[in-house]
Amino acid sequence: MCYYYGSYSICYIFAATNFKMMKKIFLTVMILITGFANAQNVGINSDNPLMTFDVNGIASTVSTADGMRAPRITLAQLDAKTGYNSNHVGALLYVTSLTGGSTVPATAQVTTIGYYYFDGSAWQSVVSKSGSAVFIASLGSGNGSATATSVTSGTFTTIPLNLVKNVGGGVWSNNIYTVPSSGTYLIKSSIRLVDGSTSRNVFQAVHTSNADIPEGIWDTNSGNRWTMLYTRVAYFNKNDQLRLYVYSDGAAANISDASLNIVLLSQN
């Protein structure tokens, strides 16, 4: 009787009655096959594989569904798998369902059904997803006569904000937003001085450190009701830490309201 493996065949004579002899023959043949396979590239539907693993479709046979399918798993099942580490960089999975899944650091970017690869610490989408990271925080109640926080004169001060929404894997801690993935972000922020504040120069920026940077803006409040708006499109790397900070020149600034919005425009 013969067994066929692609273009190779192995024949056994089952007349042998010695089981140990059959076992030795089988092991010998398998070792030979394994050694032959390891000595060259592996091909499927290909007699001449051009790469380590070369798969050819059967385009001429319309009844054959060509393609390769990665392991399929639900988000809930992936959440439970905690054994991935730097040894598994490049692993590829297809997430079939988000039902029952939760937000954990490794799967924070898994927000839609589709293909994901492991980057050494988290699962990232194969397809760039705009808007997958959204962060919103605010301060104050809209009462322009009430002070929510104060900025000491001559000091770059990070504004304390209350979290409103945070999806897509970013981490909010100690009034600092940690960027979940490298990409281009839209940033919008605003501060409102307490109504009737005396005029002074005010600086506002959203960046990785408290400093006077070219990407910030200076303005002079006009007294009465005064709101300072800030908009920026910038590229940030994964794990960059962003904060909304303000500098008040010449006098302390009492702030009644503030806000910060961060949205991922493109991931790359």
Protein backbone atom coordinates (compact mmCIF):
# COMPACT_ATOMS: atom_id res chain seq x y z
CA MET A 1 0.00 0.00 0.00
CA CYS A 2 1.27 3.49 -0.81
CA TYR A 3 0.71 6.94 0.74
CA TYR A 4 1.14 10.02 -1.43
CA TYR A 5 2.52 13.38 -0.23
CA GLY A 6 2.26 15.82 -3.15
CA SER A 7 4.63 14.46 -5.80
CA TYR A 8 6.21 11.99 -3.37
CA SER A 9 5.01 8.56 -2.34
CA ILE A 10 5.86 6.14 0.42
CA CYS A 11 4.97 2.47 0.15
CA TYR A 12 4.71 0.05 3.03
CA ILE A 13 4.57 -3.75 2.85
CA PHE A 14 2.05 -4.68 5.53
CA ALA A 15 3.04 -8.29 5.34
CA ALA A 16 5.63 -7.59 8.01
CA THR A 17 4.56 -9.07 11.26
CA ASN A 18 7.14 -7.52 13.49
CA PHE A 19 5.58 -4.33 14.93
CA LYS A 20 8.92 -3.02 16.15
CA MET A 21 10.39 -3.39 12.69
CA MET A 22 7.44 -1.46 11.17
CA LYS A 23 7.90 1.28 13.74
CA LYS A 24 11.60 1.61 12.88
CA ILE A 25 10.80 1.76 9.16
CA PHE A 26 8.16 4.46 9.72
CA LEU A 27 10.45 6.60 11.85
CA THR A 28 13.28 6.27 9.36
CA VAL A 29 11.06 7.36 6.46
CA MET A 30 9.65 10.34 8.40
CA ILE A 31 13.18 11.50 9.28
CA LEU A 32 14.15 11.31 5.62
CA ILE A 33 11.06 13.31 4.56
CA THR A 34 11.67 15.96 7.25
CA GLY A 35 15.31 16.32 6.25
CA PHE A 36 14.32 16.69 2.59
CA ALA A 37 11.71 19.35 3.40
CA ASN A 38 14.13 21.34 5.55
CA ALA A 39 16.73 21.37 2.80
CA GLN A 40 14.69 23.56 0.46
CA ASN A 41 11.87 26.09 0.27
CA VAL A 42 8.33 24.85 0.82
CA GLY A 43 5.75 25.25 -1.93
CA ILE A 44 2.02 24.63 -2.12
CA ASN A 45 0.73 24.15 -5.67
CA SER A 46 4.30 24.95 -6.73
CA ASP A 47 7.06 22.60 -7.88
CA ASN A 48 9.60 25.43 -7.72
CA PRO A 49 9.00 27.57 -4.60
CA LEU A 50 10.83 30.86 -4.90
CA MET A 51 10.59 31.84 -1.22
CA THR A 52 10.71 30.19 2.19
CA PHE A 53 6.99 29.54 1.88
CA ASP A 54 5.46 29.92 -1.59
CA VAL A 55 1.74 29.38 -2.19
CA ASN A 56 0.30 29.46 -5.71
CA GLY A 57 -3.41 29.81 -6.27
CA ILE A 58 -5.41 27.82 -8.81
CA ALA A 59 -6.85 30.71 -10.76
CA SER A 60 -7.90 28.55 -13.70
CA THR A 61 -10.24 26.46 -11.54
CA VAL A 62 -13.23 28.69 -10.84
CA SER A 63 -14.70 26.25 -8.33
CA THR A 64 -11.61 26.55 -6.09
CA ALA A 65 -11.58 29.33 -3.52
CA ASP A 66 -8.02 30.69 -3.52
CA GLY A 67 -6.54 32.48 -0.53
CA MET A 68 -4.95 32.05 2.88
CA ARG A 69 -6.79 32.43 6.18
CA ALA A 70 -5.11 33.52 9.40
CA PRO A 71 -6.15 32.06 12.75
CA ARG A 72 -9.57 33.39 13.75
CA ILE A 73 -10.35 34.52 17.29
CA THR A 74 -12.81 36.75 19.16
CA LEU A 75 -11.72 39.80 21.12
CA ALA A 76 -12.84 38.15 24.36
CA GLN A 77 -10.64 35.14 23.60
CA LEU A 78 -7.70 37.36 22.66
CA ASP A 79 -8.08 39.36 25.90
CA ALA A 80 -7.55 36.13 27.83
CA LYS A 81 -4.30 35.29 26.04
CA THR A 82 -1.58 36.96 28.13
CA GLY A 83 1.42 34.95 26.93
CA TYR A 84 2.39 37.20 24.00
CA ASN A 85 5.75 38.95 24.31
CA SER A 86 8.62 40.27 22.16
CA ASN A 87 9.20 36.76 20.81
CA HIS A 88 5.85 36.95 19.02
CA VAL A 89 6.37 40.17 17.05
CA GLY A 90 4.66 39.82 13.67
CA ALA A 91 2.01 37.32 14.75
CA LEU A 92 -1.12 37.72 12.62
CA LEU A 93 -4.73 37.10 13.67
CA TYR A 94 -8.21 37.81 12.37
CA VAL A 95 -10.61 39.08 15.04
CA THR A 96 -14.09 37.80 14.23
CA SER A 97 -16.16 39.46 16.96
CA LEU A 98 -15.91 42.24 19.54
CA THR A 99 -18.72 40.85 21.69
CA GLY A 100 -17.67 40.24 25.28
CA GLY A 101 -14.29 41.88 24.82
CA SER A 102 -12.89 44.42 27.24
CA THR A 103 -10.29 47.16 27.06
CA VAL A 104 -6.91 45.82 28.18
CA PRO A 105 -3.56 47.37 27.14
CA ALA A 106 -2.65 44.62 24.65
CA THR A 107 -5.97 44.81 22.76
CA ALA A 108 -6.85 48.47 23.21
CA GLN A 109 -6.44 49.05 19.46
CA VAL A 110 -8.80 46.20 18.54
CA THR A 111 -11.88 48.30 17.85
CA THR A 112 -13.24 46.69 14.67
CA ILE A 113 -13.42 43.23 13.15
CA GLY A 114 -10.42 42.51 10.95
CA TYR A 115 -6.73 41.59 10.72
CA TYR A 116 -4.32 42.52 13.52
CA TYR A 117 -0.58 42.01 14.04
CA PHE A 118 1.38 41.92 17.30
CA ASP A 119 4.04 44.66 17.66
CA GLY A 120 5.68 43.25 20.78
CA SER A 121 3.37 44.87 23.31
CA ALA A 122 -0.02 45.36 21.66
CA TRP A 123 -2.17 44.23 18.74
CA GLN A 124 -2.26 46.77 15.91
CA SER A 125 -4.64 46.93 12.96
CA VAL A 126 -3.18 45.92 9.61
CA VAL A 127 -5.35 48.64 8.04
CA SER A 128 -4.75 52.21 9.18
CA LYS A 129 -7.85 53.43 11.00
CA SER A 130 -8.57 57.13 11.26
CA GLY A 131 -10.52 58.20 14.31
CA SER A 132 -9.71 54.99 16.21
CA ALA A 133 -8.25 57.04 19.08
CA VAL A 134 -10.48 59.74 20.56
CA PHE A 135 -9.80 61.62 23.77
CA ILE A 136 -11.89 64.36 25.41
CA ALA A 137 -11.32 66.08 28.75
CA SER A 138 -12.65 69.29 30.25
CA LEU A 139 -12.61 71.57 33.26
CA GLY A 140 -15.23 73.91 34.69
CA SER A 141 -19.01 74.19 34.58
CA GLY A 142 -19.45 77.08 32.17
CA ASN A 143 -19.73 79.60 34.98
CA GLY A 144 -17.38 82.36 33.86
CA SER A 145 -17.25 83.96 37.30
CA ALA A 146 -16.04 80.80 39.09
CA THR A 147 -12.36 79.86 39.26
CA ALA A 148 -11.71 76.19 38.40
CA THR A 149 -7.90 76.40 38.54
CA SER A 150 -5.20 79.05 38.75
CA VAL A 151 -1.96 79.49 36.82
CA THR A 152 0.89 81.09 38.73
CA SER A 153 2.52 84.02 36.96
CA GLY A 154 5.73 83.16 35.13
CA THR A 155 5.25 79.38 35.32
CA PHE A 156 4.33 76.87 32.62
CA THR A 157 1.48 75.03 34.29
CA THR A 158 -0.24 71.81 33.20
CA ILE A 159 -4.00 72.29 33.38
CA PRO A 160 -5.90 69.68 35.45
CA LEU A 161 -8.75 68.22 33.42
CA ASN A 162 -11.55 65.75 34.03
CA LEU A 163 -11.83 62.80 31.66
CA VAL A 164 -14.94 62.80 29.44
CA LYS A 165 -14.12 60.15 26.81
CA ASN A 166 -11.10 57.98 26.05
CA VAL A 167 -11.19 55.23 23.43
CA GLY A 168 -8.51 53.66 21.26
CA GLY A 169 -5.87 52.80 23.82
CA GLY A 170 -4.56 56.17 25.00
CA VAL A 171 -3.75 56.40 28.71
CA TRP A 172 -4.82 59.38 30.81
CA SER A 173 -2.92 59.77 34.09
CA ASN A 174 -1.78 62.79 36.13
CA ASN A 175 -3.23 65.13 33.48
CA ILE A 176 -1.01 63.58 30.79
CA TYR A 177 -2.31 61.75 27.72
CA THR A 178 -0.04 58.92 26.49
CA VAL A 179 -0.33 58.49 22.72
CA PRO A 180 -1.47 54.91 21.86
CA SER A 181 0.09 54.63 18.39
CA SER A 182 2.33 56.60 16.05
CA GLY A 183 0.38 58.78 13.64
CA THR A 184 -1.02 62.19 12.76
CA TYR A 185 -3.33 63.72 15.36
CA LEU A 186 -5.78 66.61 15.42
CA ILE A 187 -5.55 68.53 18.69
CA LYS A 188 -7.99 71.20 19.86
CA SER A 189 -7.93 72.93 23.21
CA SER A 190 -9.30 76.06 24.85
CA ILE A 191 -9.03 78.06 28.04
CA ARG A 192 -11.36 80.71 29.42
CA LEU A 193 -10.17 83.26 31.95
CA VAL A 194 -12.52 84.31 34.70
CA ASP A 195 -14.73 87.13 33.44
CA GLY A 196 -13.22 90.55 34.01
CA SER A 197 -9.60 89.36 34.30
CA THR A 198 -7.04 92.12 33.86
CA SER A 199 -5.11 92.12 30.58
CA ARG A 200 -1.91 90.09 30.36
CA ASN A 201 -0.03 87.93 27.82
CA VAL A 202 -1.12 84.32 27.88
CA PHE A 203 0.53 81.30 26.22
CA GLN A 204 -1.27 78.01 25.45
CA ALA A 205 0.04 74.76 23.93
CA VAL A 206 -0.43 70.99 23.83
CA HIS A 207 2.90 69.21 23.71
CA THR A 208 5.16 66.65 25.39
CA SER A 209 6.65 69.14 27.86
CA ASN A 210 5.89 72.47 29.52
CA ALA A 211 7.91 74.94 27.45
CA ASP A 212 7.58 77.91 25.13
CA ILE A 213 7.45 76.08 21.78
CA PRO A 214 6.85 77.46 18.25
CA GLU A 215 3.71 75.31 18.01
CA GLY A 216 2.10 77.20 20.89
CA ILE A 217 0.24 80.51 20.71
CA TRP A 218 0.49 83.80 22.56
CA ASP A 219 -2.45 86.16 23.00
CA THR A 220 -3.54 89.04 25.21
CA ASN A 221 -6.88 88.83 26.96
CA SER A 222 -9.18 91.76 26.45
CA GLY A 223 -10.92 91.66 29.79
CA ASN A 224 -14.59 90.85 30.31
CA ARG A 225 -15.38 87.42 28.80
CA TRP A 226 -12.35 85.97 27.00
CA THR A 227 -11.69 82.52 25.54
CA MET A 228 -8.45 81.42 23.89
CA LEU A 229 -8.72 78.67 21.24
CA TYR A 230 -5.89 76.42 20.09
CA THR A 231 -5.77 73.99 17.13
CA ARG A 232 -2.87 71.85 15.97
CA VAL A 233 -2.26 68.97 13.54
CA ALA A 234 0.92 67.11 14.44
CA TYR A 235 2.68 63.79 14.20
CA PHE A 236 3.41 62.00 17.45
CA ASN A 237 5.12 58.73 18.22
CA LYS A 238 3.62 55.93 20.25
CA ASN A 239 4.01 56.60 24.00
CA ASP A 240 4.58 60.34 23.57
CA GLN A 241 3.01 62.14 26.54
CA LEU A 242 0.86 65.18 25.81
CA ARG A 243 -0.46 67.83 28.18
CA LEU A 244 -2.38 71.09 27.95
CA TYR A 245 -0.37 73.83 29.60
CA VAL A 246 -0.63 77.58 30.03
CA TYR A 247 1.77 80.40 30.85
CA SER A 248 0.53 83.70 32.28
CA ASP A 249 2.87 86.68 31.95
CA GLY A 250 2.83 89.40 34.59
CA ALA A 251 -0.08 88.19 36.71
CA ALA A 252 -1.67 84.96 37.86
CA ALA A 253 -4.45 83.67 35.61
CA ASN A 254 -7.68 82.34 37.07
CA ILE A 255 -9.26 79.90 34.63
CA SER A 256 -12.98 79.15 34.76
CA ASP A 257 -13.11 76.57 31.95
CA ALA A 258 -10.77 74.53 29.76
CA SER A 259 -10.99 71.65 27.29
CA LEU A 260 -8.76 69.25 25.37
CA ASN A 261 -9.70 67.09 22.36
CA ILE A 262 -7.33 64.63 20.63
CA VAL A 263 -8.28 62.57 17.57
CA LEU A 264 -6.14 60.20 15.50
CA LEU A 265 -6.32 61.26 11.84
CA SER A 266 -4.05 58.59 10.37
CA GLN A 267 -2.00 55.80 11.87
CA ASN A 268 1.47 55.13 10.47
